[in-house]
Amino acid sequence: MTDVIQLFHDGGPLMWPLLICSLVALAVIIERGARLRRGALIDARVVEDIQAHIEQGKAEMAVARHHSSPSLVGRILSKALDEYLNTSADIETSLVESGERGLQALNNNLSVLNVVTRVAPLLGLLGTVLGMIAGFSALELAGVGKEVLAKSIRMALITTATGLAIAIPAIIASTYFRSRVRRLTAEFEEVFIDVIKTVKAANADDSESTP
């Protein structure tokens, strides 16, 4: 712990914004890791319950039951059904619009993580430049020993290493989360297609039963 504090001190003033970058990246990684759990987004029991209500001609009950669902898929489907039941929009249009709005939440804070991946290395590079400037400035002074030059080079290397140490895990996390968002989006689209089929089948049955 003492060595870490010493490294932080030796890295100079740019270590503070680098520390902020690391904390922001860690917070986003933890938040996205918790939010992008499949179980919290696509609850199969909720989907089955909504489809069962549609098949029974009780779509309004499904809307009332799941409009505040803890599962994202429940909220999206209930909003789409509500729009379908109360406007002239067809079920496909309602699901597309509701899905686009709801699925935007999957990308929350990923742009922040991308900013960190770009800013952290640049801050490290800036620290390197400042450290080298300080080192060469010290060389111009008469009688300056090797200690001053070594300290400046050390500061340059510490900030560079810190910037890379922050950016590399952030890049890996960002790539993973974006891949996960794509997979989840594909799963949501499959659910939407199934619900559309269920609604159309229910409408067809109603038409056949109407004299």
N, C-alpha and C. Protein backbone atom coordinates (compact mmCIF):
# COMPACT_ATOMS: atom_id res chain seq x y z
N MET A 1 0.83 -1.20 0.00
CA MET A 1 0.00 0.00 0.00
C MET A 1 0.86 1.26 0.00
N THR A 2 1.94 1.20 0.78
CA THR A 2 2.86 2.33 0.83
C THR A 2 3.50 2.58 -0.52
N ASP A 3 3.84 1.48 -1.23
CA ASP A 3 4.45 1.62 -2.55
C ASP A 3 3.49 2.26 -3.55
N VAL A 4 2.21 1.90 -3.45
CA VAL A 4 1.20 2.48 -4.35
C VAL A 4 1.06 3.97 -4.10
N ILE A 5 1.02 4.36 -2.84
CA ILE A 5 0.91 5.78 -2.49
C ILE A 5 2.13 6.54 -2.99
N GLN A 6 3.29 5.90 -2.86
CA GLN A 6 4.52 6.55 -3.32
C GLN A 6 4.51 6.71 -4.84
N LEU A 7 4.04 5.69 -5.55
CA LEU A 7 3.94 5.79 -7.01
C LEU A 7 2.97 6.89 -7.41
N PHE A 8 1.85 6.97 -6.69
CA PHE A 8 0.87 8.01 -6.97
C PHE A 8 1.50 9.39 -6.78
N HIS A 9 2.25 9.53 -5.71
CA HIS A 9 2.91 10.82 -5.43
C HIS A 9 3.96 11.14 -6.48
N ASP A 10 4.75 10.13 -6.86
CA ASP A 10 5.82 10.35 -7.83
C ASP A 10 5.29 10.62 -9.23
N GLY A 11 4.05 10.20 -9.51
CA GLY A 11 3.49 10.41 -10.85
C GLY A 11 3.12 11.84 -11.14
N GLY A 12 3.05 12.67 -10.12
CA GLY A 12 2.75 14.09 -10.35
C GLY A 12 1.27 14.40 -10.34
N PRO A 13 0.92 15.64 -10.66
CA PRO A 13 -0.48 16.10 -10.55
C PRO A 13 -1.45 15.39 -11.49
N LEU A 14 -0.96 14.86 -12.61
CA LEU A 14 -1.88 14.19 -13.54
C LEU A 14 -2.39 12.85 -13.01
N MET A 15 -1.82 12.40 -11.90
CA MET A 15 -2.34 11.16 -11.31
C MET A 15 -3.74 11.35 -10.75
N TRP A 16 -4.11 12.57 -10.39
CA TRP A 16 -5.46 12.82 -9.86
C TRP A 16 -6.53 12.62 -10.93
N PRO A 17 -6.39 13.25 -12.12
CA PRO A 17 -7.41 12.95 -13.15
C PRO A 17 -7.38 11.49 -13.59
N LEU A 18 -6.21 10.86 -13.55
CA LEU A 18 -6.15 9.43 -13.87
C LEU A 18 -6.88 8.60 -12.82
N LEU A 19 -6.77 9.01 -11.57
CA LEU A 19 -7.52 8.33 -10.51
C LEU A 19 -9.02 8.47 -10.74
N ILE A 20 -9.46 9.65 -11.13
CA ILE A 20 -10.88 9.87 -11.41
C ILE A 20 -11.33 8.96 -12.56
N CYS A 21 -10.51 8.88 -13.61
CA CYS A 21 -10.83 8.00 -14.74
C CYS A 21 -10.98 6.55 -14.29
N SER A 22 -10.09 6.11 -13.43
CA SER A 22 -10.16 4.72 -12.97
C SER A 22 -11.41 4.46 -12.15
N LEU A 23 -11.79 5.42 -11.31
CA LEU A 23 -12.99 5.26 -10.49
C LEU A 23 -14.25 5.27 -11.34
N VAL A 24 -14.29 6.15 -12.34
CA VAL A 24 -15.43 6.21 -13.25
C VAL A 24 -15.56 4.90 -14.02
N ALA A 25 -14.43 4.41 -14.54
CA ALA A 25 -14.45 3.15 -15.30
C ALA A 25 -14.93 2.00 -14.42
N LEU A 26 -14.43 1.93 -13.19
CA LEU A 26 -14.83 0.86 -12.27
C LEU A 26 -16.32 0.93 -11.97
N ALA A 27 -16.82 2.14 -11.74
CA ALA A 27 -18.25 2.31 -11.43
C ALA A 27 -19.12 1.86 -12.60
N VAL A 28 -18.73 2.23 -13.82
CA VAL A 28 -19.51 1.85 -15.00
C VAL A 28 -19.47 0.34 -15.21
N ILE A 29 -18.30 -0.26 -15.04
CA ILE A 29 -18.16 -1.71 -15.21
C ILE A 29 -19.05 -2.46 -14.21
N ILE A 30 -19.05 -2.02 -12.97
CA ILE A 30 -19.89 -2.67 -11.96
C ILE A 30 -21.37 -2.47 -12.28
N GLU A 31 -21.74 -1.24 -12.65
CA GLU A 31 -23.15 -0.94 -12.95
C GLU A 31 -23.65 -1.71 -14.16
N ARG A 32 -22.86 -1.74 -15.22
CA ARG A 32 -23.28 -2.47 -16.43
C ARG A 32 -23.29 -3.98 -16.19
N GLY A 33 -22.33 -4.46 -15.41
CA GLY A 33 -22.31 -5.88 -15.10
C GLY A 33 -23.56 -6.32 -14.37
N ALA A 34 -24.06 -5.44 -13.49
CA ALA A 34 -25.28 -5.75 -12.74
C ALA A 34 -26.52 -5.59 -13.61
N ARG A 35 -26.55 -4.57 -14.45
CA ARG A 35 -27.74 -4.26 -15.24
C ARG A 35 -27.93 -5.19 -16.43
N LEU A 36 -26.84 -5.65 -17.02
CA LEU A 36 -26.94 -6.45 -18.24
C LEU A 36 -27.04 -7.94 -17.95
N ARG A 37 -27.58 -8.30 -16.82
CA ARG A 37 -27.85 -9.70 -16.53
C ARG A 37 -29.13 -10.14 -17.26
N ARG A 38 -29.05 -11.25 -17.95
CA ARG A 38 -30.19 -11.70 -18.74
C ARG A 38 -31.44 -11.88 -17.90
N GLY A 39 -31.26 -12.42 -16.69
CA GLY A 39 -32.41 -12.66 -15.83
C GLY A 39 -33.15 -11.40 -15.44
N ALA A 40 -32.43 -10.27 -15.37
CA ALA A 40 -33.06 -9.02 -15.00
C ALA A 40 -33.71 -8.34 -16.20
N LEU A 41 -33.40 -8.81 -17.40
CA LEU A 41 -33.90 -8.16 -18.61
C LEU A 41 -34.96 -8.99 -19.32
N ILE A 42 -34.71 -10.28 -19.45
CA ILE A 42 -35.64 -11.16 -20.17
C ILE A 42 -36.08 -12.28 -19.23
N ASP A 43 -37.21 -12.07 -18.59
CA ASP A 43 -37.78 -13.08 -17.69
C ASP A 43 -38.75 -13.93 -18.49
N ALA A 44 -38.39 -15.20 -18.70
CA ALA A 44 -39.23 -16.09 -19.51
C ALA A 44 -40.63 -16.25 -18.94
N ARG A 45 -40.74 -16.21 -17.61
CA ARG A 45 -42.06 -16.37 -16.98
C ARG A 45 -42.96 -15.18 -17.31
N VAL A 46 -42.36 -13.99 -17.36
CA VAL A 46 -43.14 -12.80 -17.71
C VAL A 46 -43.64 -12.89 -19.15
N VAL A 47 -42.77 -13.30 -20.06
CA VAL A 47 -43.15 -13.44 -21.46
C VAL A 47 -44.26 -14.46 -21.62
N GLU A 48 -44.13 -15.59 -20.95
CA GLU A 48 -45.16 -16.63 -21.03
C GLU A 48 -46.49 -16.14 -20.47
N ASP A 49 -46.44 -15.38 -19.38
CA ASP A 49 -47.67 -14.87 -18.77
C ASP A 49 -48.37 -13.89 -19.71
N ILE A 50 -47.60 -13.02 -20.34
CA ILE A 50 -48.19 -12.05 -21.27
C ILE A 50 -48.80 -12.76 -22.47
N GLN A 51 -48.09 -13.74 -23.01
CA GLN A 51 -48.63 -14.47 -24.15
C GLN A 51 -49.89 -15.25 -23.77
N ALA A 52 -49.92 -15.80 -22.57
CA ALA A 52 -51.10 -16.52 -22.11
C ALA A 52 -52.30 -15.59 -22.01
N HIS A 53 -52.08 -14.39 -21.50
CA HIS A 53 -53.17 -13.41 -21.41
C HIS A 53 -53.67 -13.01 -22.80
N ILE A 54 -52.75 -12.86 -23.75
CA ILE A 54 -53.14 -12.50 -25.11
C ILE A 54 -53.99 -13.61 -25.72
N GLU A 55 -53.55 -14.85 -25.55
CA GLU A 55 -54.29 -16.00 -26.10
C GLU A 55 -55.68 -16.11 -25.50
N GLN A 56 -55.82 -15.68 -24.24
CA GLN A 56 -57.13 -15.74 -23.56
C GLN A 56 -57.98 -14.50 -23.83
N GLY A 57 -57.46 -13.58 -24.66
CA GLY A 57 -58.19 -12.35 -24.95
C GLY A 57 -58.17 -11.37 -23.80
N LYS A 58 -57.15 -11.45 -22.96
CA LYS A 58 -57.05 -10.58 -21.80
C LYS A 58 -55.77 -9.72 -21.86
N ALA A 59 -55.53 -9.14 -23.03
CA ALA A 59 -54.32 -8.33 -23.20
C ALA A 59 -54.30 -7.14 -22.25
N GLU A 60 -55.49 -6.55 -21.97
CA GLU A 60 -55.54 -5.41 -21.04
C GLU A 60 -55.04 -5.81 -19.66
N MET A 61 -55.35 -7.02 -19.24
CA MET A 61 -54.89 -7.50 -17.94
C MET A 61 -53.37 -7.66 -17.93
N ALA A 62 -52.81 -8.10 -19.05
CA ALA A 62 -51.35 -8.23 -19.15
C ALA A 62 -50.68 -6.87 -19.04
N VAL A 63 -51.28 -5.86 -19.66
CA VAL A 63 -50.74 -4.50 -19.59
C VAL A 63 -50.75 -4.01 -18.15
N ALA A 64 -51.88 -4.18 -17.47
CA ALA A 64 -52.00 -3.71 -16.08
C ALA A 64 -51.05 -4.46 -15.16
N ARG A 65 -50.82 -5.72 -15.44
CA ARG A 65 -50.01 -6.55 -14.55
C ARG A 65 -48.51 -6.30 -14.71
N HIS A 66 -48.08 -5.93 -15.91
CA HIS A 66 -46.64 -5.88 -16.17
C HIS A 66 -46.12 -4.49 -16.54
N HIS A 67 -46.93 -3.45 -16.44
CA HIS A 67 -46.44 -2.13 -16.85
C HIS A 67 -45.33 -1.63 -15.93
N SER A 68 -45.27 -2.14 -14.70
CA SER A 68 -44.19 -1.77 -13.77
C SER A 68 -43.33 -2.99 -13.43
N SER A 69 -43.24 -3.89 -14.37
CA SER A 69 -42.48 -5.13 -14.14
C SER A 69 -41.00 -4.83 -13.88
N PRO A 70 -40.37 -5.55 -12.96
CA PRO A 70 -38.93 -5.39 -12.75
C PRO A 70 -38.11 -5.87 -13.95
N SER A 71 -38.74 -6.66 -14.80
CA SER A 71 -38.06 -7.15 -16.00
C SER A 71 -38.29 -6.19 -17.16
N LEU A 72 -37.22 -5.84 -17.88
CA LEU A 72 -37.33 -4.90 -18.99
C LEU A 72 -38.27 -5.41 -20.06
N VAL A 73 -38.23 -6.71 -20.35
CA VAL A 73 -39.09 -7.25 -21.39
C VAL A 73 -40.56 -7.08 -21.02
N GLY A 74 -40.89 -7.20 -19.74
CA GLY A 74 -42.28 -7.00 -19.31
C GLY A 74 -42.75 -5.57 -19.54
N ARG A 75 -41.89 -4.60 -19.25
CA ARG A 75 -42.25 -3.20 -19.44
C ARG A 75 -42.40 -2.85 -20.92
N ILE A 76 -41.49 -3.38 -21.74
CA ILE A 76 -41.56 -3.10 -23.18
C ILE A 76 -42.82 -3.70 -23.79
N LEU A 77 -43.10 -4.96 -23.47
CA LEU A 77 -44.26 -5.62 -24.04
C LEU A 77 -45.56 -4.98 -23.57
N SER A 78 -45.63 -4.60 -22.30
CA SER A 78 -46.86 -3.99 -21.80
C SER A 78 -47.11 -2.63 -22.45
N LYS A 79 -46.05 -1.86 -22.65
CA LYS A 79 -46.20 -0.56 -23.32
C LYS A 79 -46.63 -0.74 -24.77
N ALA A 80 -46.03 -1.73 -25.43
CA ALA A 80 -46.40 -1.98 -26.82
C ALA A 80 -47.86 -2.43 -26.93
N LEU A 81 -48.28 -3.31 -26.04
CA LEU A 81 -49.67 -3.77 -26.06
C LEU A 81 -50.64 -2.63 -25.75
N ASP A 82 -50.25 -1.78 -24.80
CA ASP A 82 -51.10 -0.65 -24.44
C ASP A 82 -51.30 0.28 -25.64
N GLU A 83 -50.19 0.55 -26.36
CA GLU A 83 -50.28 1.40 -27.55
C GLU A 83 -51.11 0.73 -28.63
N TYR A 84 -50.93 -0.57 -28.78
CA TYR A 84 -51.68 -1.33 -29.78
C TYR A 84 -53.18 -1.33 -29.48
N LEU A 85 -53.53 -1.46 -28.21
CA LEU A 85 -54.95 -1.53 -27.82
C LEU A 85 -55.64 -0.17 -27.86
N ASN A 86 -54.88 0.90 -27.65
CA ASN A 86 -55.50 2.21 -27.48
C ASN A 86 -55.23 3.19 -28.61
N THR A 87 -54.53 2.75 -29.65
CA THR A 87 -54.29 3.61 -30.81
C THR A 87 -54.58 2.81 -32.07
N SER A 88 -54.36 3.45 -33.19
CA SER A 88 -54.61 2.77 -34.46
C SER A 88 -53.37 2.02 -34.97
N ALA A 89 -52.28 2.06 -34.19
CA ALA A 89 -51.04 1.40 -34.61
C ALA A 89 -51.21 -0.11 -34.57
N ASP A 90 -50.56 -0.80 -35.52
CA ASP A 90 -50.60 -2.26 -35.49
C ASP A 90 -49.56 -2.76 -34.48
N ILE A 91 -49.58 -4.04 -34.20
CA ILE A 91 -48.73 -4.59 -33.15
C ILE A 91 -47.26 -4.51 -33.53
N GLU A 92 -46.95 -4.68 -34.83
CA GLU A 92 -45.55 -4.59 -35.25
C GLU A 92 -44.98 -3.20 -34.98
N THR A 93 -45.72 -2.18 -35.37
CA THR A 93 -45.27 -0.80 -35.17
C THR A 93 -45.13 -0.48 -33.69
N SER A 94 -46.11 -0.93 -32.91
CA SER A 94 -46.08 -0.66 -31.47
C SER A 94 -44.86 -1.31 -30.82
N LEU A 95 -44.56 -2.54 -31.20
CA LEU A 95 -43.43 -3.24 -30.61
C LEU A 95 -42.10 -2.64 -31.05
N VAL A 96 -42.01 -2.24 -32.31
CA VAL A 96 -40.77 -1.62 -32.79
C VAL A 96 -40.49 -0.33 -32.03
N GLU A 97 -41.51 0.51 -31.91
CA GLU A 97 -41.32 1.80 -31.24
C GLU A 97 -41.04 1.62 -29.75
N SER A 98 -41.81 0.75 -29.10
CA SER A 98 -41.59 0.51 -27.67
C SER A 98 -40.24 -0.16 -27.44
N GLY A 99 -39.88 -1.08 -28.34
CA GLY A 99 -38.60 -1.77 -28.21
C GLY A 99 -37.42 -0.83 -28.37
N GLU A 100 -37.49 0.07 -29.35
CA GLU A 100 -36.39 1.01 -29.57
C GLU A 100 -36.18 1.89 -28.35
N ARG A 101 -37.28 2.35 -27.75
CA ARG A 101 -37.16 3.20 -26.56
C ARG A 101 -36.61 2.40 -25.38
N GLY A 102 -37.13 1.21 -25.19
CA GLY A 102 -36.71 0.41 -24.04
C GLY A 102 -35.29 -0.10 -24.13
N LEU A 103 -34.88 -0.50 -25.34
CA LEU A 103 -33.56 -1.10 -25.50
C LEU A 103 -32.43 -0.08 -25.47
N GLN A 104 -32.78 1.20 -25.53
CA GLN A 104 -31.75 2.23 -25.38
C GLN A 104 -31.07 2.12 -24.02
N ALA A 105 -31.81 1.62 -23.04
CA ALA A 105 -31.25 1.48 -21.69
C ALA A 105 -30.08 0.51 -21.64
N LEU A 106 -30.00 -0.40 -22.61
CA LEU A 106 -28.91 -1.36 -22.62
C LEU A 106 -27.55 -0.69 -22.86
N ASN A 107 -27.58 0.44 -23.55
CA ASN A 107 -26.33 1.14 -23.89
C ASN A 107 -25.97 2.24 -22.91
N ASN A 108 -26.76 2.39 -21.84
CA ASN A 108 -26.47 3.44 -20.87
C ASN A 108 -25.05 3.33 -20.34
N ASN A 109 -24.37 4.47 -20.28
CA ASN A 109 -23.02 4.60 -19.68
C ASN A 109 -21.90 3.97 -20.49
N LEU A 110 -22.21 3.26 -21.58
CA LEU A 110 -21.13 2.69 -22.38
C LEU A 110 -20.32 3.79 -23.06
N SER A 111 -20.98 4.89 -23.40
CA SER A 111 -20.24 6.01 -23.99
C SER A 111 -19.26 6.61 -22.98
N VAL A 112 -19.64 6.59 -21.70
CA VAL A 112 -18.73 7.08 -20.66
C VAL A 112 -17.49 6.20 -20.60
N LEU A 113 -17.69 4.90 -20.70
CA LEU A 113 -16.56 3.96 -20.68
C LEU A 113 -15.65 4.19 -21.88
N ASN A 114 -16.24 4.49 -23.04
CA ASN A 114 -15.45 4.77 -24.23
C ASN A 114 -14.61 6.03 -24.06
N VAL A 115 -15.17 7.03 -23.40
CA VAL A 115 -14.43 8.27 -23.16
C VAL A 115 -13.21 7.98 -22.29
N VAL A 116 -13.41 7.15 -21.27
CA VAL A 116 -12.29 6.81 -20.38
C VAL A 116 -11.19 6.10 -21.16
N THR A 117 -11.56 5.20 -22.07
CA THR A 117 -10.55 4.45 -22.83
C THR A 117 -9.72 5.37 -23.72
N ARG A 118 -10.29 6.52 -24.07
CA ARG A 118 -9.55 7.46 -24.92
C ARG A 118 -8.79 8.49 -24.10
N VAL A 119 -9.41 8.94 -23.01
CA VAL A 119 -8.80 10.02 -22.23
C VAL A 119 -7.64 9.51 -21.39
N ALA A 120 -7.77 8.34 -20.78
CA ALA A 120 -6.72 7.85 -19.88
C ALA A 120 -5.35 7.73 -20.56
N PRO A 121 -5.24 7.12 -21.76
CA PRO A 121 -3.93 7.07 -22.40
C PRO A 121 -3.39 8.45 -22.77
N LEU A 122 -4.31 9.36 -23.15
CA LEU A 122 -3.87 10.71 -23.49
C LEU A 122 -3.33 11.44 -22.27
N LEU A 123 -3.98 11.24 -21.13
CA LEU A 123 -3.45 11.84 -19.89
C LEU A 123 -2.08 11.25 -19.55
N GLY A 124 -1.95 9.94 -19.76
CA GLY A 124 -0.64 9.31 -19.53
C GLY A 124 0.41 9.87 -20.46
N LEU A 125 0.04 10.07 -21.72
CA LEU A 125 0.98 10.65 -22.69
C LEU A 125 1.34 12.08 -22.32
N LEU A 126 0.35 12.83 -21.86
CA LEU A 126 0.63 14.20 -21.43
C LEU A 126 1.60 14.20 -20.25
N GLY A 127 1.39 13.27 -19.33
CA GLY A 127 2.32 13.15 -18.21
C GLY A 127 3.73 12.83 -18.67
N THR A 128 3.82 11.98 -19.70
CA THR A 128 5.14 11.65 -20.25
C THR A 128 5.82 12.88 -20.83
N VAL A 129 5.06 13.64 -21.60
CA VAL A 129 5.62 14.85 -22.21
C VAL A 129 6.07 15.84 -21.15
N LEU A 130 5.21 16.05 -20.15
CA LEU A 130 5.56 17.00 -19.09
C LEU A 130 6.80 16.53 -18.32
N GLY A 131 6.85 15.20 -18.08
CA GLY A 131 8.01 14.66 -17.36
C GLY A 131 9.30 14.84 -18.15
N MET A 132 9.24 14.61 -19.46
CA MET A 132 10.43 14.76 -20.28
C MET A 132 10.84 16.23 -20.39
N ILE A 133 9.84 17.11 -20.48
CA ILE A 133 10.16 18.55 -20.51
C ILE A 133 10.87 18.95 -19.23
N ALA A 134 10.35 18.47 -18.10
CA ALA A 134 10.98 18.80 -16.82
C ALA A 134 12.40 18.24 -16.75
N GLY A 135 12.58 17.03 -17.31
CA GLY A 135 13.90 16.42 -17.29
C GLY A 135 14.91 17.19 -18.11
N PHE A 136 14.53 17.57 -19.32
CA PHE A 136 15.45 18.31 -20.18
C PHE A 136 15.67 19.73 -19.67
N SER A 137 14.66 20.29 -19.03
CA SER A 137 14.86 21.61 -18.42
C SER A 137 15.89 21.53 -17.31
N ALA A 138 15.84 20.41 -16.55
CA ALA A 138 16.80 20.23 -15.47
C ALA A 138 18.22 20.10 -16.00
N LEU A 139 18.35 19.49 -17.19
CA LEU A 139 19.68 19.33 -17.77
C LEU A 139 20.33 20.66 -18.12
N GLU A 140 19.49 21.65 -18.38
CA GLU A 140 20.02 22.96 -18.76
C GLU A 140 20.60 23.71 -17.57
N LEU A 141 20.21 23.29 -16.37
CA LEU A 141 20.71 23.97 -15.19
C LEU A 141 22.09 23.44 -14.82
N ALA A 142 22.97 24.32 -14.52
CA ALA A 142 24.34 23.92 -14.18
C ALA A 142 24.35 23.17 -12.86
N GLY A 143 25.09 22.09 -12.82
CA GLY A 143 25.30 21.36 -11.57
C GLY A 143 24.15 20.46 -11.17
N VAL A 144 23.19 20.26 -12.03
CA VAL A 144 22.07 19.38 -11.68
C VAL A 144 22.54 17.93 -11.72
N GLY A 145 22.20 17.17 -10.70
CA GLY A 145 22.62 15.79 -10.63
C GLY A 145 21.68 14.85 -11.35
N LYS A 146 22.06 13.59 -11.38
CA LYS A 146 21.26 12.58 -12.06
C LYS A 146 19.92 12.34 -11.37
N GLU A 147 19.86 12.66 -10.07
CA GLU A 147 18.63 12.39 -9.32
C GLU A 147 17.44 13.16 -9.88
N VAL A 148 17.65 14.41 -10.23
CA VAL A 148 16.55 15.24 -10.75
C VAL A 148 16.06 14.69 -12.09
N LEU A 149 17.00 14.34 -12.96
CA LEU A 149 16.63 13.78 -14.26
C LEU A 149 15.89 12.46 -14.09
N ALA A 150 16.39 11.61 -13.20
CA ALA A 150 15.75 10.32 -12.97
C ALA A 150 14.33 10.49 -12.43
N LYS A 151 14.14 11.48 -11.57
CA LYS A 151 12.81 11.73 -11.00
C LYS A 151 11.83 12.16 -12.09
N SER A 152 12.29 12.99 -13.02
CA SER A 152 11.43 13.46 -14.10
C SER A 152 11.05 12.31 -15.04
N ILE A 153 12.04 11.48 -15.37
CA ILE A 153 11.75 10.33 -16.23
C ILE A 153 10.81 9.35 -15.52
N ARG A 154 11.00 9.16 -14.23
CA ARG A 154 10.14 8.28 -13.44
C ARG A 154 8.70 8.76 -13.49
N MET A 155 8.50 10.07 -13.33
CA MET A 155 7.15 10.63 -13.39
C MET A 155 6.53 10.37 -14.75
N ALA A 156 7.34 10.52 -15.82
CA ALA A 156 6.84 10.30 -17.17
C ALA A 156 6.39 8.85 -17.36
N LEU A 157 7.17 7.92 -16.90
CA LEU A 157 6.86 6.51 -17.08
C LEU A 157 5.67 6.08 -16.22
N ILE A 158 5.56 6.62 -15.02
CA ILE A 158 4.45 6.26 -14.13
C ILE A 158 3.11 6.67 -14.74
N THR A 159 3.01 7.89 -15.24
CA THR A 159 1.75 8.36 -15.82
C THR A 159 1.39 7.57 -17.07
N THR A 160 2.39 7.24 -17.89
CA THR A 160 2.12 6.44 -19.08
C THR A 160 1.59 5.07 -18.69
N ALA A 161 2.26 4.41 -17.77
CA ALA A 161 1.84 3.08 -17.33
C ALA A 161 0.45 3.12 -16.70
N THR A 162 0.17 4.16 -15.92
CA THR A 162 -1.13 4.27 -15.27
C THR A 162 -2.24 4.46 -16.30
N GLY A 163 -2.00 5.33 -17.28
CA GLY A 163 -2.99 5.55 -18.32
C GLY A 163 -3.31 4.28 -19.08
N LEU A 164 -2.29 3.50 -19.41
CA LEU A 164 -2.50 2.24 -20.11
C LEU A 164 -3.19 1.21 -19.22
N ALA A 165 -2.82 1.19 -17.95
CA ALA A 165 -3.42 0.24 -17.01
C ALA A 165 -4.91 0.50 -16.83
N ILE A 166 -5.33 1.75 -16.98
CA ILE A 166 -6.74 2.08 -16.88
C ILE A 166 -7.46 1.77 -18.20
N ALA A 167 -6.83 2.15 -19.32
CA ALA A 167 -7.48 2.03 -20.63
C ALA A 167 -7.67 0.58 -21.05
N ILE A 168 -6.69 -0.28 -20.81
CA ILE A 168 -6.77 -1.65 -21.31
C ILE A 168 -7.96 -2.42 -20.73
N PRO A 169 -8.16 -2.45 -19.40
CA PRO A 169 -9.36 -3.13 -18.87
C PRO A 169 -10.65 -2.46 -19.33
N ALA A 170 -10.63 -1.13 -19.47
CA ALA A 170 -11.83 -0.42 -19.90
C ALA A 170 -12.20 -0.80 -21.33
N ILE A 171 -11.20 -0.96 -22.19
CA ILE A 171 -11.45 -1.37 -23.57
C ILE A 171 -12.02 -2.78 -23.61
N ILE A 172 -11.44 -3.68 -22.82
CA ILE A 172 -11.93 -5.06 -22.76
C ILE A 172 -13.38 -5.09 -22.27
N ALA A 173 -13.67 -4.32 -21.21
CA ALA A 173 -15.03 -4.29 -20.66
C ALA A 173 -16.01 -3.70 -21.66
N SER A 174 -15.61 -2.61 -22.33
CA SER A 174 -16.49 -1.98 -23.31
C SER A 174 -16.81 -2.93 -24.45
N THR A 175 -15.80 -3.64 -24.94
CA THR A 175 -16.01 -4.60 -26.03
C THR A 175 -16.94 -5.72 -25.59
N TYR A 176 -16.75 -6.21 -24.37
CA TYR A 176 -17.60 -7.28 -23.85
C TYR A 176 -19.05 -6.82 -23.71
N PHE A 177 -19.24 -5.63 -23.13
CA PHE A 177 -20.60 -5.14 -22.91
C PHE A 177 -21.32 -4.89 -24.23
N ARG A 178 -20.62 -4.36 -25.22
CA ARG A 178 -21.27 -4.11 -26.51
C ARG A 178 -21.65 -5.42 -27.19
N SER A 179 -20.80 -6.42 -27.04
CA SER A 179 -21.14 -7.73 -27.59
C SER A 179 -22.35 -8.31 -26.87
N ARG A 180 -22.41 -8.11 -25.57
CA ARG A 180 -23.54 -8.62 -24.79
C ARG A 180 -24.83 -7.88 -25.17
N VAL A 181 -24.74 -6.59 -25.40
CA VAL A 181 -25.91 -5.83 -25.81
C VAL A 181 -26.44 -6.35 -27.14
N ARG A 182 -25.55 -6.68 -28.07
CA ARG A 182 -25.99 -7.21 -29.36
C ARG A 182 -26.71 -8.55 -29.19
N ARG A 183 -26.17 -9.41 -28.33
CA ARG A 183 -26.82 -10.71 -28.10
C ARG A 183 -28.19 -10.53 -27.43
N LEU A 184 -28.25 -9.64 -26.46
CA LEU A 184 -29.52 -9.41 -25.77
C LEU A 184 -30.55 -8.80 -26.72
N THR A 185 -30.11 -7.89 -27.57
CA THR A 185 -31.02 -7.28 -28.54
C THR A 185 -31.60 -8.33 -29.47
N ALA A 186 -30.76 -9.28 -29.90
CA ALA A 186 -31.24 -10.36 -30.76
C ALA A 186 -32.28 -11.22 -30.02
N GLU A 187 -32.06 -11.46 -28.74
CA GLU A 187 -33.03 -12.24 -27.96
C GLU A 187 -34.34 -11.49 -27.80
N PHE A 188 -34.26 -10.18 -27.57
CA PHE A 188 -35.47 -9.37 -27.48
C PHE A 188 -36.25 -9.43 -28.79
N GLU A 189 -35.55 -9.36 -29.90
CA GLU A 189 -36.22 -9.40 -31.20
C GLU A 189 -36.96 -10.72 -31.40
N GLU A 190 -36.37 -11.82 -30.94
CA GLU A 190 -37.05 -13.12 -31.02
C GLU A 190 -38.32 -13.13 -30.19
N VAL A 191 -38.24 -12.51 -28.99
CA VAL A 191 -39.43 -12.42 -28.14
C VAL A 191 -40.51 -11.59 -28.83
N PHE A 192 -40.11 -10.47 -29.43
CA PHE A 192 -41.08 -9.60 -30.11
C PHE A 192 -41.77 -10.35 -31.24
N ILE A 193 -41.01 -11.13 -32.00
CA ILE A 193 -41.60 -11.89 -33.12
C ILE A 193 -42.62 -12.90 -32.59
N ASP A 194 -42.28 -13.56 -31.49
CA ASP A 194 -43.21 -14.54 -30.91
C ASP A 194 -44.50 -13.86 -30.44
N VAL A 195 -44.37 -12.69 -29.82
CA VAL A 195 -45.56 -11.98 -29.34
C VAL A 195 -46.41 -11.51 -30.52
N ILE A 196 -45.78 -11.03 -31.57
CA ILE A 196 -46.52 -10.62 -32.77
C ILE A 196 -47.33 -11.80 -33.32
N LYS A 197 -46.70 -12.95 -33.39
CA LYS A 197 -47.40 -14.15 -33.87
C LYS A 197 -48.57 -14.50 -32.96
N THR A 198 -48.36 -14.36 -31.65
CA THR A 198 -49.43 -14.68 -30.69
C THR A 198 -50.61 -13.72 -30.86
N VAL A 199 -50.32 -12.44 -31.03
CA VAL A 199 -51.39 -11.44 -31.22
C VAL A 199 -52.15 -11.72 -32.50
N LYS A 200 -51.44 -12.00 -33.57
CA LYS A 200 -52.10 -12.25 -34.85
C LYS A 200 -52.94 -13.53 -34.79
N ALA A 201 -52.41 -14.53 -34.10
CA ALA A 201 -53.16 -15.78 -33.97
C ALA A 201 -54.43 -15.54 -33.16
N ALA A 202 -54.33 -14.74 -32.10
CA ALA A 202 -55.50 -14.43 -31.27
C ALA A 202 -56.52 -13.64 -32.07
N ASN A 203 -56.08 -12.73 -32.90
CA ASN A 203 -56.99 -11.95 -33.73
C ASN A 203 -57.68 -12.83 -34.76
N ALA A 204 -56.92 -13.78 -35.30
CA ALA A 204 -57.49 -14.71 -36.28
C ALA A 204 -58.56 -15.58 -35.64
N ASP A 205 -58.32 -16.02 -34.44
CA ASP A 205 -59.31 -16.83 -33.72
C ASP A 205 -60.57 -16.03 -33.43
N ASP A 206 -60.38 -14.75 -33.06
CA ASP A 206 -61.53 -13.89 -32.79
C ASP A 206 -62.35 -13.70 -34.05
N SER A 207 -61.67 -13.55 -35.19
CA SER A 207 -62.40 -13.35 -36.46
C SER A 207 -63.20 -14.57 -36.84
N GLU A 208 -62.60 -15.74 -36.60
CA GLU A 208 -63.30 -16.99 -36.95
C GLU A 208 -64.50 -17.24 -36.04
N SER A 209 -64.40 -16.79 -34.77
CA SER A 209 -65.49 -17.03 -33.84
C SER A 209 -66.61 -16.01 -33.97
N THR A 210 -66.31 -14.91 -34.70
CA THR A 210 -67.35 -13.88 -34.87
C THR A 210 -68.24 -14.25 -36.05
N PRO A 211 -69.56 -14.36 -35.83
CA PRO A 211 -70.45 -14.76 -36.92
C PRO A 211 -70.55 -13.69 -37.99
